[in-house]
Amino acid sequence: MTDLWHLFLSAAFVDNMPLTLFLGLCTFLALSKRSESALGLGIAMTGVLGVTVPLNWLIYQGLLAPGAWAWAGMPALDLSYLSLIAFIGVIAATVQVLEMLLDRFFPGVHAAFGVFLPLLTVQCAILGGSLFMVDRSYDFDESIVFGLGSGVGFAIAVVMLGAIRSRLAYADLPTGLRGLGIAFILTGMMSLGFASFAQMAMSQ
């Protein structure tokens, strides 16, 4: 249990998708203008990562990994080269279901996402979660914890940025820093802060 908790904290803070690994910055910057849309993105990322990473683990270990077909008398069969296509298919299906649920039950959140909700299908942070899961040889429990931790870490980062940008909307910023200019500066400063977690982890 302690190891899983450490993995969760590591996925959320040490390997933070947007601020440490610099994945998913497109939606991270685009949907952090307001706290409401940032919170919605964080919840969506947590849900999609929490579902797709363990699902892709099951698909990879059951069908694609070397030796997965040993039970059928084909121990040498290796379909791991299909993992990228399979992972994207699972992510696309999950995002489609999420979009239908939001449209049905939370139309306000769905409208806030706009065109960015379908773009979660090709969100590199979501795909990166499944690829890291394979590369690091996580088991099923670890894949669940890693997916949820990565989503929570993304949510914390985007909500923090959204809250700061909402306050800065009332600030008298220089013209060149308004909009994405100040967003890039804030993201860089937050990234430096999250980098300290990696230094703390390395020192232990």
N, C-alpha and C. Protein backbone atom coordinates (compact mmCIF):
# COMPACT_ATOMS: atom_id res chain seq x y z
N MET A 1 0.83 -1.21 0.00
CA MET A 1 0.00 0.00 0.00
C MET A 1 0.86 1.26 0.00
N THR A 2 1.96 1.21 0.77
CA THR A 2 2.86 2.36 0.83
C THR A 2 3.49 2.63 -0.53
N ASP A 3 3.87 1.55 -1.24
CA ASP A 3 4.47 1.72 -2.56
C ASP A 3 3.49 2.34 -3.55
N LEU A 4 2.22 1.94 -3.46
CA LEU A 4 1.21 2.52 -4.35
C LEU A 4 0.99 3.99 -4.03
N TRP A 5 1.01 4.34 -2.75
CA TRP A 5 0.85 5.74 -2.37
C TRP A 5 2.03 6.57 -2.87
N HIS A 6 3.22 6.02 -2.77
CA HIS A 6 4.40 6.73 -3.30
C HIS A 6 4.29 6.89 -4.81
N LEU A 7 3.78 5.87 -5.49
CA LEU A 7 3.60 5.97 -6.94
C LEU A 7 2.59 7.04 -7.29
N PHE A 8 1.51 7.12 -6.51
CA PHE A 8 0.50 8.15 -6.75
C PHE A 8 1.10 9.55 -6.60
N LEU A 9 1.84 9.76 -5.51
CA LEU A 9 2.45 11.07 -5.29
C LEU A 9 3.49 11.39 -6.36
N SER A 10 4.24 10.37 -6.77
CA SER A 10 5.24 10.58 -7.82
C SER A 10 4.58 10.96 -9.14
N ALA A 11 3.48 10.27 -9.49
CA ALA A 11 2.79 10.58 -10.74
C ALA A 11 2.17 11.97 -10.71
N ALA A 12 1.70 12.39 -9.54
CA ALA A 12 1.02 13.68 -9.44
C ALA A 12 1.99 14.86 -9.38
N PHE A 13 3.13 14.69 -8.71
CA PHE A 13 4.00 15.83 -8.46
C PHE A 13 5.38 15.70 -9.11
N VAL A 14 6.03 14.56 -8.95
CA VAL A 14 7.37 14.41 -9.51
C VAL A 14 7.31 14.32 -11.03
N ASP A 15 6.41 13.46 -11.55
CA ASP A 15 6.26 13.30 -13.00
C ASP A 15 5.01 14.02 -13.49
N ASN A 16 4.78 15.21 -13.00
CA ASN A 16 3.60 15.97 -13.40
C ASN A 16 3.59 16.17 -14.92
N MET A 17 2.49 15.77 -15.55
CA MET A 17 2.44 15.75 -17.01
C MET A 17 2.75 17.10 -17.66
N PRO A 18 2.04 18.19 -17.30
CA PRO A 18 2.31 19.46 -18.02
C PRO A 18 3.52 20.22 -17.51
N LEU A 19 3.84 20.12 -16.21
CA LEU A 19 4.85 21.00 -15.63
C LEU A 19 6.22 20.35 -15.49
N THR A 20 6.29 19.01 -15.50
CA THR A 20 7.58 18.33 -15.41
C THR A 20 7.94 17.63 -16.71
N LEU A 21 6.95 16.94 -17.29
CA LEU A 21 7.18 16.22 -18.55
C LEU A 21 6.78 17.04 -19.76
N PHE A 22 6.12 18.17 -19.55
CA PHE A 22 5.72 19.10 -20.62
C PHE A 22 4.84 18.42 -21.67
N LEU A 23 3.89 17.61 -21.20
CA LEU A 23 2.93 16.96 -22.07
C LEU A 23 1.55 17.58 -21.87
N GLY A 24 0.82 17.73 -22.95
CA GLY A 24 -0.54 18.27 -22.87
C GLY A 24 -0.61 19.76 -22.68
N LEU A 25 0.43 20.48 -23.09
CA LEU A 25 0.44 21.93 -22.86
C LEU A 25 -0.57 22.68 -23.72
N CYS A 26 -1.01 22.08 -24.82
CA CYS A 26 -1.96 22.77 -25.69
C CYS A 26 -3.27 23.06 -24.95
N THR A 27 -3.92 22.01 -24.43
CA THR A 27 -5.15 22.22 -23.68
C THR A 27 -4.88 22.84 -22.31
N PHE A 28 -3.71 22.57 -21.76
CA PHE A 28 -3.34 23.14 -20.47
C PHE A 28 -3.37 24.67 -20.52
N LEU A 29 -2.85 25.24 -21.58
CA LEU A 29 -2.83 26.69 -21.71
C LEU A 29 -4.17 27.24 -22.24
N ALA A 30 -4.79 26.49 -23.14
CA ALA A 30 -6.02 27.00 -23.78
C ALA A 30 -7.20 27.04 -22.82
N LEU A 31 -7.30 26.08 -21.92
CA LEU A 31 -8.48 25.98 -21.05
C LEU A 31 -8.20 26.44 -19.62
N SER A 32 -7.14 27.17 -19.41
CA SER A 32 -6.84 27.66 -18.07
C SER A 32 -7.13 29.16 -17.93
N LYS A 33 -7.90 29.71 -18.87
CA LYS A 33 -8.23 31.13 -18.77
C LYS A 33 -9.18 31.41 -17.62
N ARG A 34 -10.10 30.46 -17.35
CA ARG A 34 -11.07 30.61 -16.27
C ARG A 34 -11.00 29.40 -15.35
N SER A 35 -11.29 29.63 -14.08
CA SER A 35 -11.19 28.55 -13.10
C SER A 35 -12.17 27.43 -13.41
N GLU A 36 -13.37 27.79 -13.93
CA GLU A 36 -14.39 26.77 -14.18
C GLU A 36 -13.96 25.81 -15.28
N SER A 37 -13.46 26.35 -16.38
CA SER A 37 -13.02 25.48 -17.47
C SER A 37 -11.78 24.69 -17.08
N ALA A 38 -10.90 25.29 -16.25
CA ALA A 38 -9.71 24.59 -15.78
C ALA A 38 -10.09 23.41 -14.89
N LEU A 39 -11.07 23.62 -14.01
CA LEU A 39 -11.53 22.53 -13.15
C LEU A 39 -12.18 21.42 -13.99
N GLY A 40 -12.97 21.81 -14.98
CA GLY A 40 -13.58 20.81 -15.86
C GLY A 40 -12.54 19.99 -16.60
N LEU A 41 -11.50 20.66 -17.10
CA LEU A 41 -10.43 19.94 -17.79
C LEU A 41 -9.72 18.99 -16.83
N GLY A 42 -9.46 19.44 -15.62
CA GLY A 42 -8.79 18.59 -14.64
C GLY A 42 -9.58 17.34 -14.32
N ILE A 43 -10.90 17.50 -14.15
CA ILE A 43 -11.76 16.35 -13.87
C ILE A 43 -11.78 15.40 -15.06
N ALA A 44 -11.89 15.97 -16.28
CA ALA A 44 -11.92 15.14 -17.49
C ALA A 44 -10.62 14.38 -17.66
N MET A 45 -9.47 15.04 -17.43
CA MET A 45 -8.19 14.37 -17.57
C MET A 45 -8.04 13.26 -16.54
N THR A 46 -8.48 13.51 -15.31
CA THR A 46 -8.40 12.49 -14.28
C THR A 46 -9.25 11.28 -14.65
N GLY A 47 -10.46 11.55 -15.14
CA GLY A 47 -11.34 10.45 -15.53
C GLY A 47 -10.80 9.65 -16.69
N VAL A 48 -10.33 10.35 -17.73
CA VAL A 48 -9.84 9.65 -18.92
C VAL A 48 -8.56 8.88 -18.62
N LEU A 49 -7.63 9.49 -17.91
CA LEU A 49 -6.39 8.78 -17.56
C LEU A 49 -6.67 7.61 -16.60
N GLY A 50 -7.58 7.83 -15.65
CA GLY A 50 -7.89 6.78 -14.70
C GLY A 50 -8.55 5.57 -15.34
N VAL A 51 -9.22 5.78 -16.48
CA VAL A 51 -9.89 4.68 -17.18
C VAL A 51 -8.98 4.06 -18.24
N THR A 52 -8.33 4.90 -19.04
CA THR A 52 -7.61 4.38 -20.21
C THR A 52 -6.31 3.66 -19.84
N VAL A 53 -5.59 4.13 -18.83
CA VAL A 53 -4.31 3.48 -18.50
C VAL A 53 -4.52 2.02 -18.06
N PRO A 54 -5.42 1.73 -17.10
CA PRO A 54 -5.64 0.30 -16.77
C PRO A 54 -6.28 -0.49 -17.90
N LEU A 55 -7.18 0.14 -18.69
CA LEU A 55 -7.76 -0.57 -19.83
C LEU A 55 -6.68 -0.96 -20.84
N ASN A 56 -5.81 -0.02 -21.11
CA ASN A 56 -4.72 -0.31 -22.06
C ASN A 56 -3.75 -1.33 -21.49
N TRP A 57 -3.59 -1.38 -20.17
CA TRP A 57 -2.77 -2.42 -19.57
C TRP A 57 -3.36 -3.79 -19.85
N LEU A 58 -4.68 -3.91 -19.67
CA LEU A 58 -5.35 -5.19 -19.93
C LEU A 58 -5.20 -5.61 -21.38
N ILE A 59 -5.36 -4.65 -22.29
CA ILE A 59 -5.24 -4.96 -23.72
C ILE A 59 -3.82 -5.34 -24.07
N TYR A 60 -2.86 -4.59 -23.54
CA TYR A 60 -1.47 -4.88 -23.86
C TYR A 60 -1.04 -6.24 -23.31
N GLN A 61 -1.31 -6.48 -22.04
CA GLN A 61 -0.86 -7.72 -21.42
C GLN A 61 -1.65 -8.93 -21.94
N GLY A 62 -2.91 -8.73 -22.30
CA GLY A 62 -3.72 -9.85 -22.75
C GLY A 62 -3.62 -10.18 -24.22
N LEU A 63 -3.26 -9.16 -25.05
CA LEU A 63 -3.27 -9.39 -26.49
C LEU A 63 -1.99 -9.00 -27.22
N LEU A 64 -1.29 -8.00 -26.73
CA LEU A 64 -0.21 -7.41 -27.53
C LEU A 64 1.19 -7.74 -27.05
N ALA A 65 1.36 -7.99 -25.78
CA ALA A 65 2.70 -8.19 -25.22
C ALA A 65 3.32 -9.48 -25.76
N PRO A 66 4.66 -9.54 -25.84
CA PRO A 66 5.31 -10.79 -26.24
C PRO A 66 4.92 -11.93 -25.32
N GLY A 67 4.47 -13.04 -25.90
CA GLY A 67 4.06 -14.20 -25.11
C GLY A 67 2.63 -14.17 -24.65
N ALA A 68 1.87 -13.11 -25.00
CA ALA A 68 0.48 -13.02 -24.55
C ALA A 68 -0.39 -14.12 -25.14
N TRP A 69 0.02 -14.66 -26.28
CA TRP A 69 -0.77 -15.70 -26.95
C TRP A 69 -0.22 -17.09 -26.70
N ALA A 70 0.55 -17.25 -25.64
CA ALA A 70 1.11 -18.57 -25.33
C ALA A 70 0.01 -19.59 -25.05
N TRP A 71 -1.09 -19.12 -24.48
CA TRP A 71 -2.20 -20.03 -24.17
C TRP A 71 -2.81 -20.62 -25.45
N ALA A 72 -2.63 -19.94 -26.57
CA ALA A 72 -3.19 -20.42 -27.85
C ALA A 72 -2.15 -21.18 -28.65
N GLY A 73 -1.01 -21.49 -28.06
CA GLY A 73 0.03 -22.22 -28.76
C GLY A 73 0.91 -21.37 -29.64
N MET A 74 0.89 -20.03 -29.42
CA MET A 74 1.73 -19.11 -30.21
C MET A 74 2.57 -18.25 -29.28
N PRO A 75 3.49 -18.86 -28.54
CA PRO A 75 4.28 -18.09 -27.56
C PRO A 75 5.21 -17.07 -28.18
N ALA A 76 5.57 -17.24 -29.43
CA ALA A 76 6.50 -16.31 -30.07
C ALA A 76 5.81 -15.10 -30.69
N LEU A 77 4.47 -15.08 -30.69
CA LEU A 77 3.74 -13.99 -31.32
C LEU A 77 3.91 -12.70 -30.52
N ASP A 78 4.33 -11.65 -31.20
CA ASP A 78 4.55 -10.35 -30.56
C ASP A 78 3.79 -9.29 -31.35
N LEU A 79 2.72 -8.77 -30.75
CA LEU A 79 1.90 -7.75 -31.40
C LEU A 79 2.09 -6.38 -30.75
N SER A 80 3.20 -6.21 -30.05
CA SER A 80 3.41 -4.95 -29.34
C SER A 80 3.52 -3.76 -30.29
N TYR A 81 3.84 -4.01 -31.57
CA TYR A 81 3.93 -2.91 -32.53
C TYR A 81 2.57 -2.29 -32.81
N LEU A 82 1.50 -2.97 -32.41
CA LEU A 82 0.15 -2.43 -32.58
C LEU A 82 -0.33 -1.64 -31.37
N SER A 83 0.53 -1.52 -30.36
CA SER A 83 0.09 -0.90 -29.11
C SER A 83 -0.34 0.55 -29.30
N LEU A 84 0.37 1.30 -30.13
CA LEU A 84 0.03 2.71 -30.33
C LEU A 84 -1.38 2.86 -30.90
N ILE A 85 -1.70 2.05 -31.91
CA ILE A 85 -3.03 2.11 -32.52
C ILE A 85 -4.10 1.69 -31.52
N ALA A 86 -3.81 0.61 -30.78
CA ALA A 86 -4.79 0.12 -29.80
C ALA A 86 -5.03 1.15 -28.70
N PHE A 87 -3.97 1.77 -28.21
CA PHE A 87 -4.11 2.75 -27.14
C PHE A 87 -4.93 3.95 -27.61
N ILE A 88 -4.66 4.44 -28.81
CA ILE A 88 -5.40 5.58 -29.33
C ILE A 88 -6.87 5.23 -29.51
N GLY A 89 -7.16 4.00 -29.94
CA GLY A 89 -8.55 3.57 -30.10
C GLY A 89 -9.29 3.56 -28.77
N VAL A 90 -8.65 3.05 -27.73
CA VAL A 90 -9.27 3.05 -26.40
C VAL A 90 -9.50 4.47 -25.91
N ILE A 91 -8.51 5.34 -26.10
CA ILE A 91 -8.63 6.73 -25.67
C ILE A 91 -9.76 7.43 -26.42
N ALA A 92 -9.85 7.20 -27.74
CA ALA A 92 -10.91 7.82 -28.54
C ALA A 92 -12.29 7.38 -28.07
N ALA A 93 -12.45 6.09 -27.79
CA ALA A 93 -13.74 5.58 -27.33
C ALA A 93 -14.10 6.18 -25.97
N THR A 94 -13.11 6.27 -25.08
CA THR A 94 -13.36 6.82 -23.74
C THR A 94 -13.75 8.29 -23.82
N VAL A 95 -13.06 9.06 -24.63
CA VAL A 95 -13.38 10.48 -24.78
C VAL A 95 -14.77 10.65 -25.39
N GLN A 96 -15.13 9.79 -26.34
CA GLN A 96 -16.46 9.88 -26.95
C GLN A 96 -17.55 9.63 -25.92
N VAL A 97 -17.36 8.63 -25.08
CA VAL A 97 -18.34 8.36 -24.01
C VAL A 97 -18.40 9.54 -23.04
N LEU A 98 -17.24 10.09 -22.68
CA LEU A 98 -17.20 11.25 -21.79
C LEU A 98 -17.94 12.43 -22.40
N GLU A 99 -17.74 12.67 -23.69
CA GLU A 99 -18.41 13.78 -24.36
C GLU A 99 -19.93 13.61 -24.33
N MET A 100 -20.40 12.40 -24.57
CA MET A 100 -21.84 12.16 -24.54
C MET A 100 -22.41 12.36 -23.14
N LEU A 101 -21.68 11.91 -22.12
CA LEU A 101 -22.15 12.08 -20.75
C LEU A 101 -22.20 13.56 -20.35
N LEU A 102 -21.16 14.31 -20.71
CA LEU A 102 -21.14 15.74 -20.39
C LEU A 102 -22.25 16.48 -21.13
N ASP A 103 -22.46 16.14 -22.38
CA ASP A 103 -23.50 16.79 -23.17
C ASP A 103 -24.88 16.52 -22.59
N ARG A 104 -25.05 15.33 -22.03
CA ARG A 104 -26.36 14.93 -21.49
C ARG A 104 -26.61 15.49 -20.10
N PHE A 105 -25.60 15.41 -19.23
CA PHE A 105 -25.83 15.74 -17.83
C PHE A 105 -25.19 17.06 -17.39
N PHE A 106 -24.14 17.51 -18.07
CA PHE A 106 -23.46 18.76 -17.70
C PHE A 106 -23.24 19.62 -18.94
N PRO A 107 -24.31 20.15 -19.52
CA PRO A 107 -24.17 20.92 -20.77
C PRO A 107 -23.31 22.17 -20.62
N GLY A 108 -23.29 22.77 -19.42
CA GLY A 108 -22.46 23.95 -19.21
C GLY A 108 -20.98 23.62 -19.32
N VAL A 109 -20.57 22.52 -18.69
CA VAL A 109 -19.17 22.09 -18.78
C VAL A 109 -18.84 21.69 -20.21
N HIS A 110 -19.78 21.01 -20.87
CA HIS A 110 -19.56 20.61 -22.27
C HIS A 110 -19.35 21.82 -23.16
N ALA A 111 -20.14 22.87 -22.95
CA ALA A 111 -20.00 24.09 -23.75
C ALA A 111 -18.68 24.80 -23.46
N ALA A 112 -18.20 24.71 -22.21
CA ALA A 112 -16.94 25.36 -21.85
C ALA A 112 -15.76 24.72 -22.56
N PHE A 113 -15.83 23.41 -22.77
CA PHE A 113 -14.75 22.71 -23.46
C PHE A 113 -14.68 23.12 -24.93
N GLY A 114 -15.84 23.31 -25.57
CA GLY A 114 -15.86 23.66 -26.98
C GLY A 114 -15.21 22.58 -27.82
N VAL A 115 -14.33 23.00 -28.74
CA VAL A 115 -13.68 22.05 -29.64
C VAL A 115 -12.57 21.28 -28.96
N PHE A 116 -12.21 21.66 -27.72
CA PHE A 116 -11.07 21.02 -27.07
C PHE A 116 -11.41 19.66 -26.49
N LEU A 117 -12.70 19.38 -26.23
CA LEU A 117 -13.05 18.08 -25.69
C LEU A 117 -12.75 16.95 -26.68
N PRO A 118 -13.16 17.04 -27.95
CA PRO A 118 -12.76 15.97 -28.89
C PRO A 118 -11.25 15.87 -29.07
N LEU A 119 -10.54 16.98 -28.86
CA LEU A 119 -9.09 16.96 -29.02
C LEU A 119 -8.39 16.17 -27.91
N LEU A 120 -9.12 15.83 -26.82
CA LEU A 120 -8.52 14.98 -25.80
C LEU A 120 -8.16 13.61 -26.37
N THR A 121 -8.80 13.26 -27.48
CA THR A 121 -8.48 11.98 -28.13
C THR A 121 -7.01 11.90 -28.51
N VAL A 122 -6.46 13.02 -28.95
CA VAL A 122 -5.05 13.04 -29.37
C VAL A 122 -4.21 13.84 -28.38
N GLN A 123 -4.67 13.94 -27.13
CA GLN A 123 -3.92 14.64 -26.10
C GLN A 123 -2.70 13.81 -25.72
N CYS A 124 -1.53 14.39 -25.91
CA CYS A 124 -0.30 13.62 -25.72
C CYS A 124 -0.11 13.18 -24.27
N ALA A 125 -0.66 13.92 -23.31
CA ALA A 125 -0.52 13.51 -21.91
C ALA A 125 -1.29 12.23 -21.64
N ILE A 126 -2.46 12.08 -22.27
CA ILE A 126 -3.26 10.87 -22.07
C ILE A 126 -2.57 9.67 -22.71
N LEU A 127 -2.11 9.84 -23.92
CA LEU A 127 -1.38 8.75 -24.57
C LEU A 127 -0.08 8.45 -23.83
N GLY A 128 0.58 9.50 -23.35
CA GLY A 128 1.82 9.32 -22.61
C GLY A 128 1.62 8.47 -21.37
N GLY A 129 0.47 8.60 -20.70
CA GLY A 129 0.20 7.79 -19.53
C GLY A 129 0.26 6.30 -19.84
N SER A 130 -0.35 5.89 -20.95
CA SER A 130 -0.33 4.47 -21.34
C SER A 130 1.06 4.03 -21.79
N LEU A 131 1.77 4.90 -22.50
CA LEU A 131 3.11 4.54 -22.95
C LEU A 131 4.08 4.42 -21.79
N PHE A 132 3.97 5.32 -20.80
CA PHE A 132 4.81 5.20 -19.61
C PHE A 132 4.49 3.92 -18.84
N MET A 133 3.20 3.57 -18.81
CA MET A 133 2.79 2.35 -18.12
C MET A 133 3.49 1.13 -18.70
N VAL A 134 3.58 1.07 -20.03
CA VAL A 134 4.25 -0.06 -20.68
C VAL A 134 5.76 0.03 -20.47
N ASP A 135 6.32 1.20 -20.67
CA ASP A 135 7.77 1.37 -20.57
C ASP A 135 8.29 1.06 -19.17
N ARG A 136 7.50 1.36 -18.15
CA ARG A 136 7.94 1.15 -16.76
C ARG A 136 7.48 -0.19 -16.20
N SER A 137 6.80 -0.99 -17.01
CA SER A 137 6.40 -2.36 -16.63
C SER A 137 5.55 -2.37 -15.36
N TYR A 138 4.56 -1.49 -15.29
CA TYR A 138 3.66 -1.47 -14.15
C TYR A 138 2.74 -2.69 -14.19
N ASP A 139 2.32 -3.16 -13.00
CA ASP A 139 1.29 -4.19 -12.96
C ASP A 139 -0.08 -3.50 -12.97
N PHE A 140 -1.15 -4.29 -12.86
CA PHE A 140 -2.49 -3.71 -13.02
C PHE A 140 -2.80 -2.69 -11.93
N ASP A 141 -2.49 -3.02 -10.68
CA ASP A 141 -2.75 -2.08 -9.59
C ASP A 141 -1.95 -0.79 -9.78
N GLU A 142 -0.71 -0.95 -10.17
CA GLU A 142 0.13 0.23 -10.38
C GLU A 142 -0.37 1.06 -11.54
N SER A 143 -0.92 0.42 -12.57
CA SER A 143 -1.44 1.19 -13.71
C SER A 143 -2.65 2.02 -13.31
N ILE A 144 -3.49 1.48 -12.42
CA ILE A 144 -4.64 2.25 -11.93
C ILE A 144 -4.17 3.46 -11.15
N VAL A 145 -3.24 3.23 -10.22
CA VAL A 145 -2.74 4.31 -9.37
C VAL A 145 -1.99 5.34 -10.20
N PHE A 146 -1.19 4.89 -11.17
CA PHE A 146 -0.45 5.82 -12.00
C PHE A 146 -1.39 6.67 -12.85
N GLY A 147 -2.44 6.05 -13.43
CA GLY A 147 -3.39 6.81 -14.23
C GLY A 147 -4.11 7.86 -13.40
N LEU A 148 -4.59 7.47 -12.23
CA LEU A 148 -5.28 8.43 -11.36
C LEU A 148 -4.33 9.52 -10.87
N GLY A 149 -3.12 9.13 -10.49
CA GLY A 149 -2.15 10.12 -10.02
C GLY A 149 -1.78 11.12 -11.09
N SER A 150 -1.60 10.64 -12.31
CA SER A 150 -1.27 11.55 -13.42
C SER A 150 -2.42 12.52 -13.68
N GLY A 151 -3.66 12.01 -13.61
CA GLY A 151 -4.81 12.89 -13.81
C GLY A 151 -4.96 13.91 -12.71
N VAL A 152 -4.76 13.48 -11.46
CA VAL A 152 -4.86 14.41 -10.34
C VAL A 152 -3.77 15.47 -10.42
N GLY A 153 -2.56 15.06 -10.79
CA GLY A 153 -1.48 16.02 -10.94
C GLY A 153 -1.77 17.06 -12.02
N PHE A 154 -2.33 16.59 -13.15
CA PHE A 154 -2.72 17.52 -14.21
C PHE A 154 -3.80 18.46 -13.70
N ALA A 155 -4.78 17.92 -12.96
CA ALA A 155 -5.86 18.75 -12.45
C ALA A 155 -5.35 19.82 -11.49
N ILE A 156 -4.45 19.43 -10.59
CA ILE A 156 -3.90 20.40 -9.64
C ILE A 156 -3.19 21.52 -10.38
N ALA A 157 -2.38 21.15 -11.37
CA ALA A 157 -1.61 22.16 -12.10
C ALA A 157 -2.52 23.11 -12.88
N VAL A 158 -3.51 22.57 -13.59
CA VAL A 158 -4.35 23.43 -14.44
C VAL A 158 -5.28 24.29 -13.60
N VAL A 159 -5.75 23.78 -12.45
CA VAL A 159 -6.60 24.59 -11.58
C VAL A 159 -5.78 25.72 -10.96
N MET A 160 -4.54 25.43 -10.56
CA MET A 160 -3.67 26.48 -10.02
C MET A 160 -3.45 27.58 -11.06
N LEU A 161 -3.13 27.17 -12.29
CA LEU A 161 -2.89 28.17 -13.34
C LEU A 161 -4.16 28.93 -13.65
N GLY A 162 -5.31 28.24 -13.69
CA GLY A 162 -6.57 28.92 -13.96
C GLY A 162 -6.92 29.94 -12.90
N ALA A 163 -6.66 29.60 -11.63
CA ALA A 163 -6.95 30.54 -10.55
C ALA A 163 -6.07 31.78 -10.64
N ILE A 164 -4.80 31.59 -10.95
CA ILE A 164 -3.88 32.73 -11.06
C ILE A 164 -4.27 33.60 -12.25
N ARG A 165 -4.58 32.98 -13.39
CA ARG A 165 -4.94 33.77 -14.57
C ARG A 165 -6.25 34.51 -14.37
N SER A 166 -7.18 33.93 -13.60
CA SER A 166 -8.44 34.62 -13.32
C SER A 166 -8.20 35.88 -12.51
N ARG A 167 -7.29 35.81 -11.56
CA ARG A 167 -6.96 36.99 -10.76
C ARG A 167 -6.22 38.03 -11.59
N LEU A 168 -5.34 37.57 -12.47
CA LEU A 168 -4.56 38.51 -13.28
C LEU A 168 -5.40 39.19 -14.36
N ALA A 169 -6.62 38.71 -14.57
CA ALA A 169 -7.49 39.37 -15.54
C ALA A 169 -7.81 40.80 -15.12
N TYR A 170 -7.68 41.07 -13.83
CA TYR A 170 -7.95 42.42 -13.31
C TYR A 170 -6.67 43.22 -13.11
N ALA A 171 -5.54 42.64 -13.46
CA ALA A 171 -4.26 43.33 -13.29
C ALA A 171 -3.95 44.18 -14.51
N ASP A 172 -3.19 45.25 -14.28
CA ASP A 172 -2.79 46.15 -15.36
C ASP A 172 -1.46 45.65 -15.93
N LEU A 173 -1.55 44.63 -16.78
CA LEU A 173 -0.35 44.03 -17.37
C LEU A 173 0.09 44.80 -18.60
N PRO A 174 1.38 44.78 -18.90
CA PRO A 174 1.84 45.36 -20.18
C PRO A 174 1.17 44.64 -21.34
N THR A 175 0.96 45.34 -22.42
CA THR A 175 0.23 44.79 -23.56
C THR A 175 0.85 43.50 -24.06
N GLY A 176 2.15 43.44 -24.12
CA GLY A 176 2.81 42.26 -24.65
C GLY A 176 2.69 41.02 -23.78
N LEU A 177 2.31 41.19 -22.52
CA LEU A 177 2.21 40.06 -21.61
C LEU A 177 0.78 39.56 -21.44
N ARG A 178 -0.17 40.24 -22.01
CA ARG A 178 -1.56 39.83 -21.83
C ARG A 178 -1.85 38.56 -22.63
N GLY A 179 -2.70 37.71 -22.05
CA GLY A 179 -3.06 36.47 -22.74
C GLY A 179 -2.00 35.40 -22.55
N LEU A 180 -1.52 34.87 -23.67
CA LEU A 180 -0.57 33.76 -23.62
C LEU A 180 0.79 34.18 -23.07
N GLY A 181 1.14 35.44 -23.19
CA GLY A 181 2.44 35.89 -22.71
C GLY A 181 2.60 35.61 -21.22
N ILE A 182 1.65 36.08 -20.42
CA ILE A 182 1.74 35.87 -18.99
C ILE A 182 1.49 34.40 -18.65
N ALA A 183 0.72 33.71 -19.48
CA ALA A 183 0.46 32.28 -19.24
C ALA A 183 1.75 31.47 -19.36
N PHE A 184 2.57 31.79 -20.36
CA PHE A 184 3.84 31.10 -20.52
C PHE A 184 4.78 31.39 -19.34
N ILE A 185 4.81 32.63 -18.88
CA ILE A 185 5.66 32.98 -17.75
C ILE A 185 5.22 32.24 -16.49
N LEU A 186 3.89 32.21 -16.24
CA LEU A 186 3.38 31.52 -15.08
C LEU A 186 3.66 30.02 -15.14
N THR A 187 3.49 29.45 -16.34
CA THR A 187 3.76 28.02 -16.50
C THR A 187 5.22 27.70 -16.22
N GLY A 188 6.12 28.56 -16.68
CA GLY A 188 7.54 28.35 -16.41
C GLY A 188 7.86 28.44 -14.93
N MET A 189 7.25 29.41 -14.23
CA MET A 189 7.50 29.55 -12.79
C MET A 189 6.93 28.37 -12.02
N MET A 190 5.74 27.90 -12.41
CA MET A 190 5.15 26.73 -11.77
C MET A 190 5.99 25.48 -12.04
N SER A 191 6.55 25.40 -13.26
CA SER A 191 7.40 24.26 -13.60
C SER A 191 8.63 24.22 -12.72
N LEU A 192 9.21 25.38 -12.45
CA LEU A 192 10.38 25.43 -11.55
C LEU A 192 10.00 24.95 -10.16
N GLY A 193 8.79 25.32 -9.72
CA GLY A 193 8.34 24.87 -8.41
C GLY A 193 8.17 23.36 -8.35
N PHE A 194 7.55 22.79 -9.39
CA PHE A 194 7.34 21.34 -9.41
C PHE A 194 8.65 20.59 -9.62
N ALA A 195 9.64 21.23 -10.23
CA ALA A 195 10.93 20.57 -10.39
C ALA A 195 11.59 20.30 -9.04
N SER A 196 11.23 21.09 -8.03
CA SER A 196 11.80 20.86 -6.69
C SER A 196 11.34 19.52 -6.13
N PHE A 197 10.12 19.06 -6.52
CA PHE A 197 9.66 17.75 -6.06
C PHE A 197 10.56 16.64 -6.60
N ALA A 198 10.97 16.79 -7.86
CA ALA A 198 11.86 15.79 -8.44
C ALA A 198 13.21 15.78 -7.72
N GLN A 199 13.71 16.95 -7.34
CA GLN A 199 14.98 17.01 -6.61
C GLN A 199 14.84 16.38 -5.23
N MET A 200 13.68 16.58 -4.60
CA MET A 200 13.45 15.97 -3.29
C MET A 200 13.40 14.46 -3.41
N ALA A 201 12.75 13.97 -4.48
CA ALA A 201 12.65 12.52 -4.67
C ALA A 201 14.00 11.91 -4.96
N MET A 202 14.86 12.61 -5.72
CA MET A 202 16.18 12.09 -6.04
C MET A 202 17.08 12.05 -4.81
N SER A 203 16.86 12.94 -3.86
CA SER A 203 17.72 13.00 -2.70
C SER A 203 17.41 11.91 -1.68
N GLN A 204 16.26 11.23 -1.84
CA GLN A 204 15.87 10.20 -0.87
C GLN A 204 16.35 8.82 -1.33
